[in-house]
């Protein structure tokens, strides 16, 4: 596996980061996905943790609490 686990955080390989970038490009091409939702999901994927499905759902469909991004 190309990822190393360090204190429950995943250090993404350059390949994984490229996949995330292409995923973001594909989402931006979809007019049905709001820009702020894309930004939240992108931030979530780059945090270095494996998000749970409900956290991914919240990033895509719910605005973050005030004062958080």
N, C-alpha and C. Protein backbone atom coordinates (compact mmCIF):
# COMPACT_ATOMS: atom_id res chain seq x y z
N UNK A 1 0.84 -1.18 0.00
CA UNK A 1 0.00 0.00 0.00
C UNK A 1 0.88 1.24 0.00
N UNK A 2 0.48 2.29 -0.71
CA UNK A 2 1.29 3.50 -0.84
C UNK A 2 1.10 4.49 0.30
N UNK A 3 0.26 4.19 1.24
CA UNK A 3 -0.01 5.12 2.33
C UNK A 3 0.65 4.63 3.60
N UNK A 4 1.21 5.55 4.34
CA UNK A 4 1.78 5.22 5.64
C UNK A 4 0.85 5.75 6.71
N UNK A 5 0.70 5.00 7.79
CA UNK A 5 -0.18 5.43 8.87
C UNK A 5 0.70 5.96 10.00
N UNK A 6 0.46 7.19 10.39
CA UNK A 6 1.26 7.82 11.43
C UNK A 6 0.32 8.50 12.41
N UNK A 7 0.17 7.93 13.62
CA UNK A 7 -0.72 8.50 14.64
C UNK A 7 -2.14 8.69 14.13
N UNK A 8 -2.71 7.67 13.50
CA UNK A 8 -4.07 7.69 12.97
C UNK A 8 -4.27 8.66 11.81
N UNK A 9 -3.22 9.25 11.31
CA UNK A 9 -3.31 10.10 10.13
C UNK A 9 -2.62 9.38 8.98
N UNK A 10 -3.19 9.50 7.82
CA UNK A 10 -2.64 8.85 6.64
C UNK A 10 -1.82 9.87 5.87
N UNK A 11 -0.62 9.49 5.51
CA UNK A 11 0.22 10.34 4.67
C UNK A 11 -0.01 9.86 3.25
N UNK A 12 -0.66 10.70 2.46
CA UNK A 12 -1.04 10.31 1.10
C UNK A 12 0.16 10.39 0.17
N UNK A 13 0.27 9.40 -0.67
CA UNK A 13 1.32 9.38 -1.68
C UNK A 13 0.98 10.40 -2.77
N UNK A 14 1.96 10.76 -3.60
CA UNK A 14 1.67 11.67 -4.72
C UNK A 14 0.57 11.13 -5.64
N UNK A 15 0.51 9.82 -5.79
CA UNK A 15 -0.53 9.23 -6.63
C UNK A 15 -1.92 9.48 -6.04
N UNK A 16 -2.06 9.29 -4.75
CA UNK A 16 -3.34 9.53 -4.09
C UNK A 16 -3.74 11.01 -4.23
N UNK A 17 -2.79 11.89 -4.04
CA UNK A 17 -3.09 13.32 -4.19
C UNK A 17 -3.52 13.66 -5.61
N UNK A 18 -2.92 13.01 -6.61
CA UNK A 18 -3.35 13.22 -8.00
C UNK A 18 -4.77 12.71 -8.22
N UNK A 19 -5.10 11.58 -7.61
CA UNK A 19 -6.45 11.03 -7.73
C UNK A 19 -7.46 12.00 -7.11
N UNK A 20 -7.14 12.54 -5.95
CA UNK A 20 -8.02 13.51 -5.30
C UNK A 20 -8.21 14.73 -6.21
N UNK A 21 -7.12 15.21 -6.79
CA UNK A 21 -7.20 16.38 -7.67
C UNK A 21 -8.09 16.10 -8.89
N UNK A 22 -7.94 14.93 -9.50
CA UNK A 22 -8.78 14.57 -10.65
C UNK A 22 -10.24 14.41 -10.23
N UNK A 23 -10.47 13.89 -9.04
CA UNK A 23 -11.82 13.77 -8.51
C UNK A 23 -12.46 15.15 -8.36
N UNK A 24 -11.69 16.10 -7.84
CA UNK A 24 -12.19 17.47 -7.67
C UNK A 24 -12.50 18.09 -9.04
N UNK A 25 -11.62 17.87 -10.01
CA UNK A 25 -11.85 18.39 -11.36
C UNK A 25 -13.15 17.82 -11.92
N UNK A 26 -13.36 16.52 -11.74
CA UNK A 26 -14.59 15.88 -12.24
C UNK A 26 -15.82 16.44 -11.54
N UNK A 27 -15.73 16.66 -10.22
CA UNK A 27 -16.88 17.22 -9.50
C UNK A 27 -17.17 18.64 -9.97
N UNK A 28 -16.13 19.44 -10.23
CA UNK A 28 -16.33 20.82 -10.69
C UNK A 28 -17.00 20.85 -12.07
N UNK A 29 -16.82 19.80 -12.85
CA UNK A 29 -17.44 19.71 -14.17
C UNK A 29 -18.94 19.38 -14.08
N UNK A 30 -19.39 18.97 -12.92
CA UNK A 30 -20.80 18.61 -12.71
C UNK A 30 -21.54 19.81 -12.14
N UNK A 31 -22.43 20.42 -12.93
CA UNK A 31 -23.14 21.61 -12.44
C UNK A 31 -24.08 21.31 -11.27
N UNK A 32 -24.34 20.05 -11.00
CA UNK A 32 -25.23 19.68 -9.91
C UNK A 32 -24.55 19.66 -8.55
N UNK A 33 -23.24 19.84 -8.53
CA UNK A 33 -22.50 19.82 -7.25
C UNK A 33 -22.05 21.24 -6.95
N UNK A 34 -22.46 21.76 -5.82
CA UNK A 34 -22.14 23.13 -5.43
C UNK A 34 -20.65 23.29 -5.14
N UNK A 35 -20.10 24.44 -5.50
CA UNK A 35 -18.68 24.71 -5.28
C UNK A 35 -18.28 24.60 -3.82
N UNK A 36 -19.14 25.09 -2.92
CA UNK A 36 -18.79 25.01 -1.50
C UNK A 36 -18.76 23.57 -1.01
N UNK A 37 -19.63 22.71 -1.55
CA UNK A 37 -19.61 21.29 -1.20
C UNK A 37 -18.33 20.63 -1.70
N UNK A 38 -17.91 21.00 -2.90
CA UNK A 38 -16.67 20.46 -3.46
C UNK A 38 -15.49 20.86 -2.58
N UNK A 39 -15.46 22.12 -2.17
CA UNK A 39 -14.37 22.61 -1.33
C UNK A 39 -14.34 21.88 0.01
N UNK A 40 -15.53 21.66 0.61
CA UNK A 40 -15.57 20.95 1.89
C UNK A 40 -15.08 19.52 1.75
N UNK A 41 -15.51 18.84 0.69
CA UNK A 41 -15.08 17.46 0.48
C UNK A 41 -13.59 17.40 0.18
N UNK A 42 -13.09 18.32 -0.62
CA UNK A 42 -11.67 18.37 -0.93
C UNK A 42 -10.85 18.55 0.36
N UNK A 43 -11.26 19.47 1.20
CA UNK A 43 -10.57 19.68 2.48
C UNK A 43 -10.61 18.41 3.33
N UNK A 44 -11.75 17.77 3.37
CA UNK A 44 -11.91 16.56 4.16
C UNK A 44 -10.97 15.45 3.67
N UNK A 45 -10.89 15.26 2.35
CA UNK A 45 -10.05 14.20 1.80
C UNK A 45 -8.56 14.47 2.00
N UNK A 46 -8.19 15.73 2.10
CA UNK A 46 -6.77 16.08 2.25
C UNK A 46 -6.33 16.17 3.71
N UNK A 47 -7.22 15.96 4.66
CA UNK A 47 -6.88 16.06 6.08
C UNK A 47 -5.96 14.95 6.56
N UNK A 48 -5.90 13.86 5.85
CA UNK A 48 -5.03 12.77 6.27
C UNK A 48 -5.69 11.80 7.21
N UNK A 49 -7.02 11.79 7.23
CA UNK A 49 -7.76 10.81 8.02
C UNK A 49 -8.77 10.14 7.08
N UNK A 50 -9.21 8.97 7.46
CA UNK A 50 -10.23 8.29 6.66
C UNK A 50 -11.59 8.72 7.20
N UNK A 51 -12.33 9.52 6.40
CA UNK A 51 -13.63 10.01 6.89
C UNK A 51 -14.69 8.92 6.88
N UNK A 52 -15.58 9.00 7.83
CA UNK A 52 -16.71 8.07 7.89
C UNK A 52 -17.77 8.54 6.90
N UNK A 53 -18.62 7.63 6.45
CA UNK A 53 -19.64 7.99 5.45
C UNK A 53 -20.51 9.18 5.87
N UNK A 54 -20.90 9.27 7.15
CA UNK A 54 -21.76 10.39 7.55
C UNK A 54 -21.01 11.72 7.50
N UNK A 55 -19.70 11.70 7.68
CA UNK A 55 -18.89 12.93 7.58
C UNK A 55 -18.79 13.35 6.11
N UNK A 56 -18.64 12.38 5.21
CA UNK A 56 -18.62 12.68 3.78
C UNK A 56 -19.97 13.25 3.35
N UNK A 57 -21.04 12.63 3.81
CA UNK A 57 -22.39 13.11 3.49
C UNK A 57 -22.58 14.55 3.97
N UNK A 58 -22.13 14.84 5.17
CA UNK A 58 -22.26 16.20 5.71
C UNK A 58 -21.45 17.19 4.89
N UNK A 59 -20.27 16.78 4.43
CA UNK A 59 -19.44 17.67 3.62
C UNK A 59 -20.12 18.00 2.29
N UNK A 60 -20.80 17.03 1.73
CA UNK A 60 -21.45 17.25 0.44
C UNK A 60 -22.80 17.96 0.53
N UNK A 61 -23.56 17.69 1.57
CA UNK A 61 -24.94 18.14 1.58
C UNK A 61 -25.33 19.11 2.69
N UNK A 62 -24.49 19.31 3.66
CA UNK A 62 -24.85 20.20 4.76
C UNK A 62 -23.79 21.27 4.94
N UNK A 63 -24.20 22.50 5.16
CA UNK A 63 -23.20 23.54 5.43
C UNK A 63 -22.53 23.26 6.77
N UNK A 64 -21.23 23.59 6.87
CA UNK A 64 -20.55 23.37 8.14
C UNK A 64 -21.07 24.31 9.21
N UNK A 65 -20.89 23.95 10.48
CA UNK A 65 -21.32 24.86 11.56
C UNK A 65 -20.59 26.19 11.44
N UNK A 66 -21.22 27.25 11.93
CA UNK A 66 -20.62 28.58 11.85
C UNK A 66 -19.24 28.58 12.47
N UNK A 67 -18.28 29.20 11.78
CA UNK A 67 -16.92 29.27 12.28
C UNK A 67 -16.05 28.11 11.90
N UNK A 68 -16.60 27.12 11.17
CA UNK A 68 -15.83 25.96 10.73
C UNK A 68 -15.87 25.88 9.21
N UNK A 69 -14.82 25.27 8.63
CA UNK A 69 -14.80 25.05 7.18
C UNK A 69 -14.51 23.63 6.84
